[in-house]
Amino acid sequence: MQESLFEDGKDPQAFRTIGEVSVALDIKPHVLRYWEEQFPMLRPVKRSGGRRYYRPDDIVLLQTIDRLLNQDGYTIRGAVKAIEEGANKPAPDTAAQERAAPAPELVERLRGAVRTLEESTGENPAPLQEIRKEDVLLKARLRAIREKLANALIT
């Protein structure tokens, strides 16, 4: 993973400075220092003068923290808890997300169901006096089902 982040010719297992990590992850150095205060599991090596050196595991942890906070919407407290409970895994790859996509046959069946529901909930040509209460309730239920199926197709 680090090979693609750092194109500097160093060994992938080499320690990185805060500047190198900041550029590679596109996270400001002051944010990295703040995260060190908030996440007890993030402890880069500090040499004389307080200079920080991040290990490859620290960089993976930083990527996880960044994902939890900026993509998944966790609070800092929630992210700390998630990491302590084992969320320190890389983000899922796009191939796994594509495998989770619904089958084309299922999508077509859902589209057919939505069309059928749209046709069945079309405007009633009968005068308002002749519309029964049951018809109104049925139309409302069918409309709700149609919206749920349409939302399922969108997501």
Protein backbone atom coordinates (compact mmCIF):
# COMPACT_ATOMS: atom_id res chain seq x y z
CA MET A 1 0.00 0.00 0.00
CA GLN A 2 2.80 2.41 0.88
CA GLU A 3 4.57 1.82 -2.44
CA SER A 4 1.87 3.77 -4.27
CA LEU A 5 1.79 6.55 -1.68
CA PHE A 6 5.50 7.28 -1.68
CA GLU A 7 7.40 7.50 -4.95
CA ASP A 8 10.71 8.49 -3.36
CA GLY A 9 12.74 5.32 -3.88
CA LYS A 10 12.85 4.46 -0.18
CA ASP A 11 12.14 0.98 1.11
CA PRO A 12 8.38 0.48 1.68
CA GLN A 13 9.16 -0.33 5.33
CA ALA A 14 11.13 2.90 5.86
CA PHE A 15 10.04 5.39 8.49
CA ARG A 16 8.51 8.59 7.12
CA THR A 17 8.61 12.14 8.43
CA ILE A 18 5.47 14.08 9.21
CA GLY A 19 6.07 16.15 6.05
CA GLU A 20 6.26 13.07 3.84
CA VAL A 21 3.14 11.56 5.38
CA SER A 22 1.29 14.87 5.17
CA VAL A 23 1.95 15.17 1.44
CA ALA A 24 1.23 11.50 0.68
CA LEU A 25 -2.09 11.42 2.57
CA ASP A 26 -3.05 15.04 1.83
CA ILE A 27 -3.52 15.77 5.53
CA LYS A 28 -2.04 18.89 7.11
CA PRO A 29 0.76 18.29 9.66
CA HIS A 30 -1.15 20.09 12.43
CA VAL A 31 -4.06 17.67 11.89
CA LEU A 32 -1.69 14.71 12.18
CA ARG A 33 -0.32 16.10 15.46
CA TYR A 34 -3.87 16.67 16.74
CA TRP A 35 -4.83 13.10 15.87
CA GLU A 36 -1.86 11.89 17.93
CA GLU A 37 -3.46 13.60 20.94
CA GLN A 38 -6.92 12.18 20.25
CA PHE A 39 -6.04 8.63 19.21
CA PRO A 40 -3.98 6.88 21.90
CA MET A 41 -3.09 4.05 19.52
CA LEU A 42 -1.31 6.48 17.18
CA ARG A 43 2.20 6.87 18.53
CA PRO A 44 4.90 7.61 15.94
CA VAL A 45 8.52 7.22 16.95
CA LYS A 46 9.97 10.49 18.27
CA ARG A 47 13.68 11.11 18.00
CA SER A 48 15.75 13.82 19.59
CA GLY A 49 14.23 17.24 19.22
CA GLY A 50 10.75 15.70 19.03
CA ARG A 51 10.99 14.87 15.34
CA ARG A 52 8.28 12.36 14.39
CA TYR A 53 8.83 9.27 12.27
CA TYR A 54 5.83 7.28 11.14
CA ARG A 55 6.11 3.53 10.69
CA PRO A 56 4.17 1.75 7.90
CA ASP A 57 1.61 0.56 10.49
CA ASP A 58 1.15 4.17 11.65
CA ILE A 59 0.44 5.21 8.07
CA VAL A 60 -2.20 2.48 7.68
CA LEU A 61 -3.76 3.65 10.96
CA LEU A 62 -3.76 7.25 9.70
CA GLN A 63 -5.54 6.15 6.53
CA THR A 64 -8.13 4.36 8.65
CA ILE A 65 -8.62 7.41 10.87
CA ASP A 66 -8.98 9.64 7.81
CA ARG A 67 -11.54 7.26 6.27
CA LEU A 68 -13.56 6.98 9.48
CA LEU A 69 -13.64 10.74 10.08
CA ASN A 70 -13.89 12.14 6.58
CA GLN A 71 -15.70 9.46 4.57
CA ASP A 72 -17.70 7.39 7.05
CA GLY A 73 -18.76 10.39 9.16
CA TYR A 74 -17.56 9.20 12.56
CA THR A 75 -16.88 11.60 15.41
CA ILE A 76 -13.42 11.42 16.94
CA ARG A 77 -14.77 9.55 19.94
CA GLY A 78 -16.67 7.16 17.67
CA ALA A 79 -13.60 6.60 15.49
CA VAL A 80 -11.45 5.81 18.55
CA LYS A 81 -14.04 3.28 19.68
CA ALA A 82 -14.35 1.76 16.21
CA ILE A 83 -10.59 1.33 15.92
CA GLU A 84 -10.40 -0.21 19.39
CA GLU A 85 -13.14 -2.63 18.34
CA GLY A 86 -11.28 -3.65 15.20
CA ALA A 87 -12.14 -1.22 12.42
CA ASN A 88 -8.43 -0.82 11.63
CA LYS A 89 -8.92 -2.43 8.25
CA PRO A 90 -8.30 -0.85 4.87
CA ALA A 91 -11.31 0.53 3.03
CA PRO A 92 -13.10 -2.10 0.93
CA ASP A 93 -11.90 -2.32 -2.63
CA THR A 94 -14.11 -1.33 -5.51
CA ALA A 95 -14.22 -4.90 -6.83
CA ALA A 96 -15.95 -6.01 -3.63
CA GLN A 97 -18.42 -3.14 -3.96
CA GLU A 98 -19.15 -4.10 -7.56
CA ARG A 99 -19.79 -7.71 -6.50
CA ALA A 100 -22.36 -6.37 -4.04
CA ALA A 101 -24.28 -4.60 -6.83
CA PRO A 102 -27.66 -6.16 -7.64
CA ALA A 103 -27.90 -8.57 -10.53
CA PRO A 104 -29.19 -7.04 -13.79
CA GLU A 105 -32.13 -9.49 -13.78
CA LEU A 106 -33.19 -8.28 -10.33
CA VAL A 107 -32.95 -4.65 -11.40
CA GLU A 108 -35.14 -5.34 -14.44
CA ARG A 109 -37.71 -7.16 -12.28
CA LEU A 110 -37.79 -4.20 -9.88
CA ARG A 111 -38.22 -1.78 -12.76
CA GLY A 112 -41.14 -3.87 -14.03
CA ALA A 113 -42.71 -3.83 -10.58
CA VAL A 114 -42.33 -0.05 -10.41
CA ARG A 115 -43.97 0.33 -13.84
CA THR A 116 -46.86 -1.91 -12.75
CA LEU A 117 -47.34 0.10 -9.59
CA GLU A 118 -47.20 3.37 -11.51
CA GLU A 119 -49.91 2.13 -13.86
CA SER A 120 -52.08 0.92 -10.98
CA THR A 121 -51.83 4.20 -9.10
CA GLY A 122 -52.61 6.39 -12.11
CA GLU A 123 -55.24 9.08 -11.89
CA ASN A 124 -58.75 7.74 -11.26
CA PRO A 125 -61.19 9.17 -13.84
CA ALA A 126 -64.16 8.69 -11.48
CA PRO A 127 -65.66 11.82 -9.91
CA LEU A 128 -64.49 12.59 -6.37
CA GLN A 129 -67.87 11.61 -4.90
CA GLU A 130 -67.47 8.05 -6.17
CA ILE A 131 -63.95 7.44 -4.74
CA ARG A 132 -64.18 5.18 -1.74
CA LYS A 133 -62.03 5.52 1.37
CA GLU A 134 -60.52 2.08 0.71
CA ASP A 135 -59.40 3.20 -2.76
CA VAL A 136 -57.61 6.22 -1.31
CA LEU A 137 -55.82 4.06 1.27
CA LEU A 138 -54.85 1.50 -1.37
CA LYS A 139 -53.48 4.22 -3.63
CA ALA A 140 -51.45 5.68 -0.77
CA ARG A 141 -50.01 2.26 0.08
CA LEU A 142 -49.16 1.56 -3.55
CA ARG A 143 -47.51 4.98 -3.87
CA ALA A 144 -45.37 4.23 -0.80
CA ILE A 145 -44.36 0.85 -2.23
CA ARG A 146 -43.52 2.47 -5.58
CA GLU A 147 -41.31 5.04 -3.85
CA LYS A 148 -39.50 2.33 -1.87
CA LEU A 149 -38.86 0.30 -5.02
CA ALA A 150 -37.68 3.39 -6.89
CA ASN A 151 -35.30 4.23 -4.04
CA ALA A 152 -34.00 0.67 -4.07
CA LEU A 153 -33.20 1.01 -7.77
CA ILE A 154 -31.36 4.29 -7.21
CA THR A 155 -29.13 2.99 -4.41
